[in-house]
Amino acid sequence: MSFAPGTQVRVKDDWPEAHRPVHIRTPYYVRGQAGTVLRHLGDFPNPEDLAFARPAERRPLYHVLFSQDAVWHEDHPGDELLVEIFEHWLEPA
């Protein structure tokens, strides 16, 4: 699956660190949040595997744009949050 710019996505609400030692690059504060794909940044080795010296499959990395108010519930209309997220953490919204 690949996401085109403008695609509405949701970050998976997954917490693998609750069950085993892991290295995750996806911030906890955007898990379960909906955002918009801004751009595909390229394909890179999965850092969740690299951290444990395992073979790392190349995975698409995206800039995903979120409304800051939706993430932190602060009253600053128009503020946005841009996060780099690997594709395996995203699903269609």
PDB file of N, CA and C in Angstrom:
ATOM      1  N   MET A   1       0.855  -1.175   0.000  1.00  0.00           N
ATOM      2  CA  MET A   1       0.000   0.000   0.000  1.00  0.00           C
ATOM      3  C   MET A   1       0.896   1.230   0.000  1.00  0.00           C
ATOM      4  N   SER A   2       0.511   2.214  -0.756  1.00  0.00           N
ATOM      5  CA  SER A   2       1.224   3.479  -0.696  1.00  0.00           C
ATOM      6  C   SER A   2       0.187   4.586  -0.638  1.00  0.00           C
ATOM      7  N   PHE A   3       0.562   5.683  -0.026  1.00  0.00           N
ATOM      8  CA  PHE A   3      -0.358   6.796   0.181  1.00  0.00           C
ATOM      9  C   PHE A   3       0.096   7.996  -0.638  1.00  0.00           C
ATOM     10  N   ALA A   4      -0.815   8.538  -1.418  1.00  0.00           N
ATOM     11  CA  ALA A   4      -0.537   9.721  -2.235  1.00  0.00           C
ATOM     12  C   ALA A   4      -0.700  10.973  -1.385  1.00  0.00           C
ATOM     13  N   PRO A   5      -0.021  12.059  -1.754  1.00  0.00           N
ATOM     14  CA  PRO A   5      -0.242  13.318  -1.047  1.00  0.00           C
ATOM     15  C   PRO A   5      -1.733  13.663  -1.027  1.00  0.00           C
ATOM     16  N   GLY A   6      -2.194  14.129   0.134  1.00  0.00           N
ATOM     17  CA  GLY A   6      -3.598  14.484   0.302  1.00  0.00           C
ATOM     18  C   GLY A   6      -4.452  13.371   0.874  1.00  0.00           C
ATOM     19  N   THR A   7      -3.908  12.151   0.952  1.00  0.00           N
ATOM     20  CA  THR A   7      -4.666  11.020   1.495  1.00  0.00           C
ATOM     21  C   THR A   7      -4.864  11.185   2.996  1.00  0.00           C
ATOM     22  N   GLN A   8      -6.107  10.959   3.433  1.00  0.00           N
ATOM     23  CA  GLN A   8      -6.411  10.982   4.860  1.00  0.00           C
ATOM     24  C   GLN A   8      -6.020   9.627   5.454  1.00  0.00           C
ATOM     25  N   VAL A   9      -5.233   9.659   6.515  1.00  0.00           N
ATOM     26  CA  VAL A   9      -4.756   8.436   7.157  1.00  0.00           C
ATOM     27  C   VAL A   9      -4.990   8.534   8.669  1.00  0.00           C
ATOM     28  N   ARG A  10      -4.892   7.394   9.318  1.00  0.00           N
ATOM     29  CA  ARG A  10      -4.933   7.337  10.776  1.00  0.00           C
ATOM     30  C   ARG A  10      -3.699   6.555  11.221  1.00  0.00           C
ATOM     31  N   VAL A  11      -3.053   7.051  12.255  1.00  0.00           N
ATOM     32  CA  VAL A  11      -1.916   6.342  12.832  1.00  0.00           C
ATOM     33  C   VAL A  11      -2.482   5.197  13.665  1.00  0.00           C
ATOM     34  N   LYS A  12      -1.943   4.018  13.488  1.00  0.00           N
ATOM     35  CA  LYS A  12      -2.437   2.865  14.239  1.00  0.00           C
ATOM     36  C   LYS A  12      -2.337   3.133  15.739  1.00  0.00           C
ATOM     37  N   ASP A  13      -3.358   2.752  16.458  1.00  0.00           N
ATOM     38  CA  ASP A  13      -3.384   2.901  17.914  1.00  0.00           C
ATOM     39  C   ASP A  13      -2.840   1.604  18.510  1.00  0.00           C
ATOM     40  N   ASP A  14      -1.551   1.409  18.329  1.00  0.00           N
ATOM     41  CA  ASP A  14      -0.873   0.169  18.721  1.00  0.00           C
ATOM     42  C   ASP A  14       0.193   0.510  19.756  1.00  0.00           C
ATOM     43  N   TRP A  15       0.402  -0.385  20.711  1.00  0.00           N
ATOM     44  CA  TRP A  15       1.356  -0.162  21.802  1.00  0.00           C
ATOM     45  C   TRP A  15       2.231  -1.397  22.008  1.00  0.00           C
ATOM     46  N   PRO A  16       3.045  -1.779  21.013  1.00  0.00           N
ATOM     47  CA  PRO A  16       3.858  -2.994  21.151  1.00  0.00           C
ATOM     48  C   PRO A  16       4.849  -2.922  22.310  1.00  0.00           C
ATOM     49  N   GLU A  17       5.217  -1.714  22.722  1.00  0.00           N
ATOM     50  CA  GLU A  17       6.173  -1.581  23.821  1.00  0.00           C
ATOM     51  C   GLU A  17       5.587  -2.052  25.151  1.00  0.00           C
ATOM     52  N   ALA A  18       4.291  -2.236  25.215  1.00  0.00           N
ATOM     53  CA  ALA A  18       3.662  -2.727  26.447  1.00  0.00           C
ATOM     54  C   ALA A  18       3.888  -4.227  26.620  1.00  0.00           C
ATOM     55  N   HIS A  19       4.342  -4.913  25.545  1.00  0.00           N
ATOM     56  CA  HIS A  19       4.461  -6.365  25.586  1.00  0.00           C
ATOM     57  C   HIS A  19       5.881  -6.896  25.444  1.00  0.00           C
ATOM     58  N   ARG A  20       6.784  -6.052  24.950  1.00  0.00           N
ATOM     59  CA  ARG A  20       8.158  -6.536  24.712  1.00  0.00           C
ATOM     60  C   ARG A  20       9.061  -5.330  24.461  1.00  0.00           C
ATOM     61  N   PRO A  21      10.348  -5.521  24.597  1.00  0.00           N
ATOM     62  CA  PRO A  21      11.266  -4.414  24.283  1.00  0.00           C
ATOM     63  C   PRO A  21      11.239  -4.119  22.782  1.00  0.00           C
ATOM     64  N   VAL A  22      11.009  -2.871  22.439  1.00  0.00           N
ATOM     65  CA  VAL A  22      10.971  -2.449  21.039  1.00  0.00           C
ATOM     66  C   VAL A  22      11.562  -1.053  20.914  1.00  0.00           C
ATOM     67  N   HIS A  23      11.851  -0.684  19.689  1.00  0.00           N
ATOM     68  CA  HIS A  23      12.286   0.675  19.373  1.00  0.00           C
ATOM     69  C   HIS A  23      11.272   1.231  18.393  1.00  0.00           C
ATOM     70  N   ILE A  24      10.567   2.274  18.770  1.00  0.00           N
ATOM     71  CA  ILE A  24       9.511   2.825  17.930  1.00  0.00           C
ATOM     72  C   ILE A  24       9.808   4.284  17.637  1.00  0.00           C
ATOM     73  N   ARG A  25       9.701   4.663  16.355  1.00  0.00           N
ATOM     74  CA  ARG A  25       9.911   6.039  15.936  1.00  0.00           C
ATOM     75  C   ARG A  25       8.610   6.819  15.851  1.00  0.00           C
ATOM     76  N   THR A  26       7.472   6.153  16.091  1.00  0.00           N
ATOM     77  CA  THR A  26       6.171   6.815  15.995  1.00  0.00           C
ATOM     78  C   THR A  26       5.805   7.407  17.348  1.00  0.00           C
ATOM     79  N   PRO A  27       5.669   8.731  17.451  1.00  0.00           N
ATOM     80  CA  PRO A  27       5.364   9.346  18.746  1.00  0.00           C
ATOM     81  C   PRO A  27       4.032   8.853  19.316  1.00  0.00           C
ATOM     82  N   TYR A  28       4.012   8.633  20.609  1.00  0.00           N
ATOM     83  CA  TYR A  28       2.792   8.135  21.260  1.00  0.00           C
ATOM     84  C   TYR A  28       1.631   9.110  21.100  1.00  0.00           C
ATOM     85  N   TYR A  29       1.919  10.416  21.038  1.00  0.00           N
ATOM     86  CA  TYR A  29       0.844  11.406  21.023  1.00  0.00           C
ATOM     87  C   TYR A  29       0.095  11.485  19.705  1.00  0.00           C
ATOM     88  N   VAL A  30       0.576  10.810  18.646  1.00  0.00           N
ATOM     89  CA  VAL A  30      -0.196  10.784  17.399  1.00  0.00           C
ATOM     90  C   VAL A  30      -0.836   9.424  17.146  1.00  0.00           C
ATOM     91  N   ARG A  31      -0.593   8.460  18.004  1.00  0.00           N
ATOM     92  CA  ARG A  31      -1.208   7.140  17.806  1.00  0.00           C
ATOM     93  C   ARG A  31      -2.718   7.271  17.954  1.00  0.00           C
ATOM     94  N   GLY A  32      -3.442   6.746  16.976  1.00  0.00           N
ATOM     95  CA  GLY A  32      -4.892   6.841  16.952  1.00  0.00           C
ATOM     96  C   GLY A  32      -5.414   8.122  16.320  1.00  0.00           C
ATOM     97  N   GLN A  33      -4.534   9.055  15.976  1.00  0.00           N
ATOM     98  CA  GLN A  33      -4.935  10.347  15.407  1.00  0.00           C
ATOM     99  C   GLN A  33      -5.032  10.278  13.882  1.00  0.00           C
ATOM    100  N   ALA A  34      -5.942  11.070  13.333  1.00  0.00           N
ATOM    101  CA  ALA A  34      -6.086  11.187  11.881  1.00  0.00           C
ATOM    102  C   ALA A  34      -5.267  12.369  11.386  1.00  0.00           C
ATOM    103  N   GLY A  35      -4.675  12.195  10.221  1.00  0.00           N
ATOM    104  CA  GLY A  35      -3.895  13.262   9.605  1.00  0.00           C
ATOM    105  C   GLY A  35      -3.953  13.144   8.094  1.00  0.00           C
ATOM    106  N   THR A  36      -3.168  13.971   7.429  1.00  0.00           N
ATOM    107  CA  THR A  36      -3.125  14.008   5.968  1.00  0.00           C
ATOM    108  C   THR A  36      -1.697  13.803   5.501  1.00  0.00           C
ATOM    109  N   VAL A  37      -1.518  12.887   4.545  1.00  0.00           N
ATOM    110  CA  VAL A  37      -0.196  12.678   3.968  1.00  0.00           C
ATOM    111  C   VAL A  37       0.183  13.925   3.182  1.00  0.00           C
ATOM    112  N   LEU A  38       1.327  14.490   3.506  1.00  0.00           N
ATOM    113  CA  LEU A  38       1.816  15.671   2.802  1.00  0.00           C
ATOM    114  C   LEU A  38       2.745  15.265   1.656  1.00  0.00           C
ATOM    115  N   ARG A  39       3.653  14.334   1.946  1.00  0.00           N
ATOM    116  CA  ARG A  39       4.581  13.876   0.907  1.00  0.00           C
ATOM    117  C   ARG A  39       5.235  12.561   1.308  1.00  0.00           C
ATOM    118  N   HIS A  40       5.653  11.807   0.296  1.00  0.00           N
ATOM    119  CA  HIS A  40       6.456  10.595   0.473  1.00  0.00           C
ATOM    120  C   HIS A  40       7.912  11.048   0.511  1.00  0.00           C
ATOM    121  N   LEU A  41       8.638  10.663   1.536  1.00  0.00           N
ATOM    122  CA  LEU A  41      10.025  11.115   1.710  1.00  0.00           C
ATOM    123  C   LEU A  41      11.050  10.157   1.119  1.00  0.00           C
ATOM    124  N   GLY A  42      10.615   8.962   0.748  1.00  0.00           N
ATOM    125  CA  GLY A  42      11.523   7.944   0.243  1.00  0.00           C
ATOM    126  C   GLY A  42      11.320   6.657   1.013  1.00  0.00           C
ATOM    127  N   ASP A  43      12.080   5.631   0.644  1.00  0.00           N
ATOM    128  CA  ASP A  43      12.017   4.345   1.337  1.00  0.00           C
ATOM    129  C   ASP A  43      13.325   4.141   2.083  1.00  0.00           C
ATOM    130  N   PHE A  44      13.208   3.729   3.344  1.00  0.00           N
ATOM    131  CA  PHE A  44      14.375   3.618   4.217  1.00  0.00           C
ATOM    132  C   PHE A  44      14.308   2.332   5.025  1.00  0.00           C
ATOM    133  N   PRO A  45      15.481   1.811   5.452  1.00  0.00           N
ATOM    134  CA  PRO A  45      15.468   0.623   6.311  1.00  0.00           C
ATOM    135  C   PRO A  45      14.666   0.913   7.593  1.00  0.00           C
ATOM    136  N   ASN A  46      13.871  -0.063   8.005  1.00  0.00           N
ATOM    137  CA  ASN A  46      13.016   0.087   9.170  1.00  0.00           C
ATOM    138  C   ASN A  46      13.866   0.248  10.449  1.00  0.00           C
ATOM    139  N   PRO A  47      13.822   1.410  11.098  1.00  0.00           N
ATOM    140  CA  PRO A  47      14.640   1.633  12.291  1.00  0.00           C
ATOM    141  C   PRO A  47      14.223   0.762  13.468  1.00  0.00           C
ATOM    142  N   GLU A  48      12.996   0.239  13.446  1.00  0.00           N
ATOM    143  CA  GLU A  48      12.555  -0.637  14.521  1.00  0.00           C
ATOM    144  C   GLU A  48      13.328  -1.951  14.504  1.00  0.00           C
ATOM    145  N   ASP A  49      13.815  -2.347  13.327  1.00  0.00           N
ATOM    146  CA  ASP A  49      14.668  -3.528  13.225  1.00  0.00           C
ATOM    147  C   ASP A  49      16.136  -3.160  13.391  1.00  0.00           C
ATOM    148  N   LEU A  50      16.556  -2.061  12.791  1.00  0.00           N
ATOM    149  CA  LEU A  50      17.960  -1.642  12.888  1.00  0.00           C
ATOM    150  C   LEU A  50      18.412  -1.486  14.332  1.00  0.00           C
ATOM    151  N   ALA A  51      17.532  -1.026  15.210  1.00  0.00           N
ATOM    152  CA  ALA A  51      17.884  -0.803  16.619  1.00  0.00           C
ATOM    153  C   ALA A  51      18.310  -2.087  17.307  1.00  0.00           C
ATOM    154  N   PHE A  52      17.868  -3.238  16.794  1.00  0.00           N
ATOM    155  CA  PHE A  52      18.207  -4.527  17.391  1.00  0.00           C
ATOM    156  C   PHE A  52      19.127  -5.344  16.485  1.00  0.00           C
ATOM    157  N   ALA A  53      19.774  -4.671  15.533  1.00  0.00           N
ATOM    158  CA  ALA A  53      20.729  -5.291  14.608  1.00  0.00           C
ATOM    159  C   ALA A  53      20.093  -6.433  13.812  1.00  0.00           C
ATOM    160  N   ARG A  54      18.802  -6.293  13.491  1.00  0.00           N
ATOM    161  CA  ARG A  54      18.114  -7.280  12.659  1.00  0.00           C
ATOM    162  C   ARG A  54      18.107  -6.789  11.220  1.00  0.00           C
ATOM    163  N   PRO A  55      17.977  -7.694  10.259  1.00  0.00           N
ATOM    164  CA  PRO A  55      17.820  -7.246   8.876  1.00  0.00           C
ATOM    165  C   PRO A  55      16.610  -6.320   8.789  1.00  0.00           C
ATOM    166  N   ALA A  56      16.767  -5.222   8.064  1.00  0.00           N
ATOM    167  CA  ALA A  56      15.725  -4.194   8.031  1.00  0.00           C
ATOM    168  C   ALA A  56      15.199  -3.996   6.617  1.00  0.00           C
ATOM    169  N   GLU A  57      13.934  -4.341   6.435  1.00  0.00           N
ATOM    170  CA  GLU A  57      13.260  -4.113   5.160  1.00  0.00           C
ATOM    171  C   GLU A  57      13.106  -2.616   4.931  1.00  0.00           C
ATOM    172  N   ARG A  58      13.247  -2.198   3.673  1.00  0.00           N
ATOM    173  CA  ARG A  58      13.036  -0.785   3.336  1.00  0.00           C
ATOM    174  C   ARG A  58      11.537  -0.509   3.349  1.00  0.00           C
ATOM    175  N   ARG A  59      11.151   0.595   3.996  1.00  0.00           N
ATOM    176  CA  ARG A  59       9.734   0.943   4.127  1.00  0.00           C
ATOM    177  C   ARG A  59       9.532   2.408   3.753  1.00  0.00           C
ATOM    178  N   PRO A  60       8.381   2.717   3.151  1.00  0.00           N
ATOM    179  CA  PRO A  60       8.080   4.111   2.805  1.00  0.00           C
ATOM    180  C   PRO A  60       7.930   4.968   4.067  1.00  0.00           C
ATOM    181  N   LEU A  61       8.469   6.180   3.980  1.00  0.00           N
ATOM    182  CA  LEU A  61       8.380   7.152   5.071  1.00  0.00           C
ATOM    183  C   LEU A  61       7.639   8.377   4.537  1.00  0.00           C
ATOM    184  N   TYR A  62       6.706   8.899   5.345  1.00  0.00           N
ATOM    185  CA  TYR A  62       5.867  10.017   4.921  1.00  0.00           C
ATOM    186  C   TYR A  62       5.936  11.170   5.905  1.00  0.00           C
ATOM    187  N   HIS A  63       5.718  12.365   5.396  1.00  0.00           N
ATOM    188  CA  HIS A  63       5.368  13.510   6.232  1.00  0.00           C
ATOM    189  C   HIS A  63       3.855  13.462   6.364  1.00  0.00           C
ATOM    190  N   VAL A  64       3.361  13.415   7.609  1.00  0.00           N
ATOM    191  CA  VAL A  64       1.921  13.413   7.869  1.00  0.00           C
ATOM    192  C   VAL A  64       1.605  14.665   8.677  1.00  0.00           C
ATOM    193  N   LEU A  65       0.598  15.401   8.212  1.00  0.00           N
ATOM    194  CA  LEU A  65       0.209  16.670   8.820  1.00  0.00           C
ATOM    195  C   LEU A  65      -1.027  16.469   9.694  1.00  0.00           C
ATOM    196  N   PHE A  66      -0.955  16.971  10.927  1.00  0.00           N
ATOM    197  CA  PHE A  66      -2.050  16.873  11.890  1.00  0.00           C
ATOM    198  C   PHE A  66      -2.455  18.266  12.325  1.00  0.00           C
ATOM    199  N   SER A  67      -3.716  18.429  12.663  1.00  0.00           N
ATOM    200  CA  SER A  67      -4.159  19.658  13.310  1.00  0.00           C
ATOM    201  C   SER A  67      -3.630  19.621  14.739  1.00  0.00           C
ATOM    202  N   GLN A  68      -2.913  20.654  15.145  1.00  0.00           N
ATOM    203  CA  GLN A  68      -2.351  20.659  16.499  1.00  0.00           C
ATOM    204  C   GLN A  68      -3.452  20.549  17.544  1.00  0.00           C
ATOM    205  N   ASP A  69      -4.579  21.194  17.295  1.00  0.00           N
ATOM    206  CA  ASP A  69      -5.682  21.162  18.250  1.00  0.00           C
ATOM    207  C   ASP A  69      -6.201  19.745  18.462  1.00  0.00           C
ATOM    208  N   ALA A  70      -6.215  18.931  17.417  1.00  0.00           N
ATOM    209  CA  ALA A  70      -6.695  17.557  17.540  1.00  0.00           C
ATOM    210  C   ALA A  70      -5.742  16.709  18.379  1.00  0.00           C
ATOM    211  N   VAL A  71      -4.458  17.031  18.353  1.00  0.00           N
ATOM    212  CA  VAL A  71      -3.465  16.245  19.090  1.00  0.00           C
ATOM    213  C   VAL A  71      -3.345  16.702  20.534  1.00  0.00           C
ATOM    214  N   TRP A  72      -3.224  18.012  20.754  1.00  0.00           N
ATOM    215  CA  TRP A  72      -2.967  18.516  22.104  1.00  0.00           C
ATOM    216  C   TRP A  72      -4.122  19.311  22.707  1.00  0.00           C
ATOM    217  N   HIS A  73      -5.218  19.449  21.965  1.00  0.00           N
ATOM    218  CA  HIS A  73      -6.417  20.122  22.471  1.00  0.00           C
ATOM    219  C   HIS A  73      -6.130  21.519  23.008  1.00  0.00           C
ATOM    220  N   GLU A  74      -5.291  22.233  22.291  1.00  0.00           N
ATOM    221  CA  GLU A  74      -5.005  23.624  22.616  1.00  0.00           C
ATOM    222  C   GLU A  74      -5.769  24.513  21.650  1.00  0.00           C
ATOM    223  N   ASP A  75      -6.174  25.664  22.101  1.00  0.00           N
ATOM    224  CA  ASP A  75      -7.000  26.538  21.286  1.00  0.00           C
ATOM    225  C   ASP A  75      -6.136  27.490  20.468  1.00  0.00           C
ATOM    226  N   HIS A  76      -5.495  26.949  19.432  1.00  0.00           N
ATOM    227  CA  HIS A  76      -4.692  27.751  18.513  1.00  0.00           C
ATOM    228  C   HIS A  76      -5.104  27.388  17.093  1.00  0.00           C
ATOM    229  N   PRO A  77      -6.234  27.873  16.635  1.00  0.00           N
ATOM    230  CA  PRO A  77      -6.729  27.503  15.312  1.00  0.00           C
ATOM    231  C   PRO A  77      -5.680  27.726  14.225  1.00  0.00           C
ATOM    232  N   GLY A  78      -5.585  26.757  13.349  1.00  0.00           N
ATOM    233  CA  GLY A  78      -4.656  26.862  12.230  1.00  0.00           C
ATOM    234  C   GLY A  78      -3.277  26.289  12.503  1.00  0.00           C
ATOM    235  N   ASP A  79      -2.925  26.057  13.776  1.00  0.00           N
ATOM    236  CA  ASP A  79      -1.621  25.462  14.073  1.00  0.00           C
ATOM    237  C   ASP A  79      -1.606  24.007  13.619  1.00  0.00           C
ATOM    238  N   GLU A  80      -0.463  23.580  13.101  1.00  0.00           N
ATOM    239  CA  GLU A  80      -0.335  22.223  12.581  1.00  0.00           C
ATOM    240  C   GLU A  80       0.909  21.558  13.146  1.00  0.00           C
ATOM    241  N   LEU A  81       0.908  20.253  13.066  1.00  0.00           N
ATOM    242  CA  LEU A  81       2.013  19.430  13.543  1.00  0.00           C
ATOM    243  C   LEU A  81       2.416  18.515  12.395  1.00  0.00           C
ATOM    244  N   LEU A  82       3.700  18.506  12.038  1.00  0.00           N
ATOM    245  CA  LEU A  82       4.207  17.676  10.947  1.00  0.00           C
ATOM    246  C   LEU A  82       5.093  16.593  11.545  1.00  0.00           C
ATOM    247  N   VAL A  83       4.783  15.312  11.227  1.00  0.00           N
ATOM    248  CA  VAL A  83       5.508  14.180  11.811  1.00  0.00           C
ATOM    249  C   VAL A  83       5.931  13.241  10.688  1.00  0.00           C
ATOM    250  N   GLU A  84       7.142  12.687  10.795  1.00  0.00           N
ATOM    251  CA  GLU A  84       7.598  11.650   9.871  1.00  0.00           C
ATOM    252  C   GLU A  84       7.139  10.303  10.415  1.00  0.00           C
ATOM    253  N   ILE A  85       6.386   9.557   9.588  1.00  0.00           N
ATOM    254  CA  ILE A  85       5.835   8.279  10.034  1.00  0.00           C
ATOM    255  C   ILE A  85       6.018   7.234   8.940  1.00  0.00           C
ATOM    256  N   PHE A  86       6.506   6.061   9.328  1.00  0.00           N
ATOM    257  CA  PHE A  86       6.666   4.963   8.385  1.00  0.00           C
ATOM    258  C   PHE A  86       5.308   4.363   8.040  1.00  0.00           C
ATOM    259  N   GLU A  87       5.190   3.872   6.808  1.00  0.00           N
ATOM    260  CA  GLU A  87       3.919   3.406   6.273  1.00  0.00           C
ATOM    261  C   GLU A  87       3.273   2.297   7.107  1.00  0.00           C
ATOM    262  N   HIS A  88       4.063   1.402   7.711  1.00  0.00           N
ATOM    263  CA  HIS A  88       3.453   0.300   8.448  1.00  0.00           C
ATOM    264  C   HIS A  88       2.714   0.763   9.708  1.00  0.00           C
ATOM    265  N   TRP A  89       2.833   2.043  10.070  1.00  0.00           N
ATOM    266  CA  TRP A  89       2.090   2.614  11.180  1.00  0.00           C
ATOM    267  C   TRP A  89       0.831   3.321  10.717  1.00  0.00           C
ATOM    268  N   LEU A  90       0.584   3.388   9.413  1.00  0.00           N
ATOM    269  CA  LEU A  90      -0.557   4.140   8.875  1.00  0.00           C
ATOM    270  C   LEU A  90      -1.620   3.217   8.300  1.00  0.00           C
ATOM    271  N   GLU A  91      -2.874   3.673   8.387  1.00  0.00           N
ATOM    272  CA  GLU A  91      -3.992   2.981   7.753  1.00  0.00           C
ATOM    273  C   GLU A  91      -4.914   4.040   7.172  1.00  0.00           C
ATOM    274  N   PRO A  92      -5.718   3.685   6.159  1.00  0.00           N
ATOM    275  CA  PRO A  92      -6.649   4.674   5.603  1.00  0.00           C
ATOM    276  C   PRO A  92      -7.597   5.178   6.685  1.00  0.00           C
ATOM    277  N   ALA A  93      -7.910   6.467   6.651  1.00  0.00           N
ATOM    278  CA  ALA A  93      -8.825   7.043   7.659  1.00  0.00           C
ATOM    279  C   ALA A  93     -10.261   6.853   7.232  1.00  0.00           C
TER     280      ALA A  93
END
